[in-house]
Amino acid sequence: MAKLTTTRRNSLPKSAFAGPGRSYPVPDKAHAVNAKARATQQFKAGNLTKSAKAKIDAKANKVIRGKKGK
């Protein structure tokens, strides 16, 4: 997974994030896979709701499958 610098992260549009508050950036497939893993981790730890995890997974899946969408 390529490093996402602060400058690059700040330049990403809101649509490039899967979570609330510009969390879980998914600019590419590697970051999308990582976002799904982190969301699962946080859900199991009780820090993320089922609906928030589902939204993150759905957005990440679009990136993984190569589909554009918001």
C-alpha atoms as a PDB file:
ATOM      1  CA  MET A   1       0.000   0.000   0.000  1.00  0.00           C
ATOM      2  CA  ALA A   2       1.396   3.377  -1.007  1.00  0.00           C
ATOM      3  CA  LYS A   3       1.908   5.929   1.733  1.00  0.00           C
ATOM      4  CA  LEU A   4      -0.795   8.560   1.874  1.00  0.00           C
ATOM      5  CA  THR A   5       0.866  11.817   2.867  1.00  0.00           C
ATOM      6  CA  THR A   6      -0.950  14.531   4.786  1.00  0.00           C
ATOM      7  CA  THR A   7      -0.852  16.797   1.742  1.00  0.00           C
ATOM      8  CA  ARG A   8      -2.304  14.091  -0.508  1.00  0.00           C
ATOM      9  CA  ARG A   9      -4.956  13.138   2.070  1.00  0.00           C
ATOM     10  CA  ASN A  10      -6.014  16.769   2.482  1.00  0.00           C
ATOM     11  CA  SER A  11      -6.317  17.160  -1.287  1.00  0.00           C
ATOM     12  CA  LEU A  12      -8.670  14.173  -1.648  1.00  0.00           C
ATOM     13  CA  PRO A  13     -12.346  14.974  -2.247  1.00  0.00           C
ATOM     14  CA  LYS A  14     -14.898  14.022   0.399  1.00  0.00           C
ATOM     15  CA  SER A  15     -16.056  11.194  -1.875  1.00  0.00           C
ATOM     16  CA  ALA A  16     -12.664   9.469  -1.468  1.00  0.00           C
ATOM     17  CA  PHE A  17     -13.426   8.642   2.164  1.00  0.00           C
ATOM     18  CA  ALA A  18     -15.575   5.738   3.327  1.00  0.00           C
ATOM     19  CA  GLY A  19     -16.166   6.829   6.915  1.00  0.00           C
ATOM     20  CA  PRO A  20     -17.604   9.852   8.662  1.00  0.00           C
ATOM     21  CA  GLY A  21     -15.474  12.938   9.162  1.00  0.00           C
ATOM     22  CA  ARG A  22     -13.043  12.113   6.361  1.00  0.00           C
ATOM     23  CA  SER A  23     -12.058   8.833   8.020  1.00  0.00           C
ATOM     24  CA  TYR A  24     -11.117   5.641   6.212  1.00  0.00           C
ATOM     25  CA  PRO A  25      -9.591   7.085   3.015  1.00  0.00           C
ATOM     26  CA  VAL A  26     -10.098   4.813   0.007  1.00  0.00           C
ATOM     27  CA  PRO A  27      -8.255   6.460  -2.915  1.00  0.00           C
ATOM     28  CA  ASP A  28      -7.144   3.068  -4.271  1.00  0.00           C
ATOM     29  CA  LYS A  29      -7.727  -0.679  -3.880  1.00  0.00           C
ATOM     30  CA  ALA A  30      -5.012  -1.180  -1.272  1.00  0.00           C
ATOM     31  CA  HIS A  31      -6.468   1.511   0.977  1.00  0.00           C
ATOM     32  CA  ALA A  32      -9.983   0.147   0.417  1.00  0.00           C
ATOM     33  CA  VAL A  33      -8.949  -3.334   1.555  1.00  0.00           C
ATOM     34  CA  ASN A  34      -7.240  -1.792   4.567  1.00  0.00           C
ATOM     35  CA  ALA A  35     -10.328   0.304   5.388  1.00  0.00           C
ATOM     36  CA  LYS A  36     -12.477  -2.836   5.424  1.00  0.00           C
ATOM     37  CA  ALA A  37     -10.030  -4.579   7.756  1.00  0.00           C
ATOM     38  CA  ARG A  38      -9.824  -1.611  10.140  1.00  0.00           C
ATOM     39  CA  ALA A  39     -13.621  -1.199  10.132  1.00  0.00           C
ATOM     40  CA  THR A  40     -14.032  -4.870  11.041  1.00  0.00           C
ATOM     41  CA  GLN A  41     -11.479  -4.459  13.823  1.00  0.00           C
ATOM     42  CA  GLN A  42     -13.252  -1.408  15.227  1.00  0.00           C
ATOM     43  CA  PHE A  43     -16.669  -3.072  14.947  1.00  0.00           C
ATOM     44  CA  LYS A  44     -15.463  -6.127  16.877  1.00  0.00           C
ATOM     45  CA  ALA A  45     -13.947  -3.840  19.526  1.00  0.00           C
ATOM     46  CA  GLY A  46     -17.304  -2.102  19.910  1.00  0.00           C
ATOM     47  CA  ASN A  47     -16.096   1.238  18.556  1.00  0.00           C
ATOM     48  CA  LEU A  48     -18.129   1.201  15.342  1.00  0.00           C
ATOM     49  CA  THR A  49     -21.821   0.583  14.729  1.00  0.00           C
ATOM     50  CA  LYS A  50     -23.052  -2.104  12.372  1.00  0.00           C
ATOM     51  CA  SER A  51     -24.507   0.520  10.027  1.00  0.00           C
ATOM     52  CA  ALA A  52     -21.267   2.541   9.938  1.00  0.00           C
ATOM     53  CA  LYS A  53     -19.308  -0.627   9.166  1.00  0.00           C
ATOM     54  CA  ALA A  54     -21.765  -1.499   6.391  1.00  0.00           C
ATOM     55  CA  LYS A  55     -21.337   1.961   4.825  1.00  0.00           C
ATOM     56  CA  ILE A  56     -17.547   1.701   4.968  1.00  0.00           C
ATOM     57  CA  ASP A  57     -17.641  -1.796   3.468  1.00  0.00           C
ATOM     58  CA  ALA A  58     -19.988  -0.694   0.666  1.00  0.00           C
ATOM     59  CA  LYS A  59     -17.814   2.273  -0.297  1.00  0.00           C
ATOM     60  CA  ALA A  60     -14.630   0.191  -0.103  1.00  0.00           C
ATOM     61  CA  ASN A  61     -16.212  -2.554  -2.220  1.00  0.00           C
ATOM     62  CA  LYS A  62     -16.967  -0.022  -4.970  1.00  0.00           C
ATOM     63  CA  VAL A  63     -13.310   0.988  -5.053  1.00  0.00           C
ATOM     64  CA  ILE A  64     -12.117  -2.630  -4.958  1.00  0.00           C
ATOM     65  CA  ARG A  65     -14.385  -3.564  -7.864  1.00  0.00           C
ATOM     66  CA  GLY A  66     -13.280  -0.496  -9.801  1.00  0.00           C
ATOM     67  CA  LYS A  67     -16.667   1.216  -9.806  1.00  0.00           C
ATOM     68  CA  LYS A  68     -16.929   4.949  -9.480  1.00  0.00           C
ATOM     69  CA  GLY A  69     -19.589   6.273  -7.186  1.00  0.00           C
ATOM     70  CA  LYS A  70     -20.357   8.398  -4.217  1.00  0.00           C
END
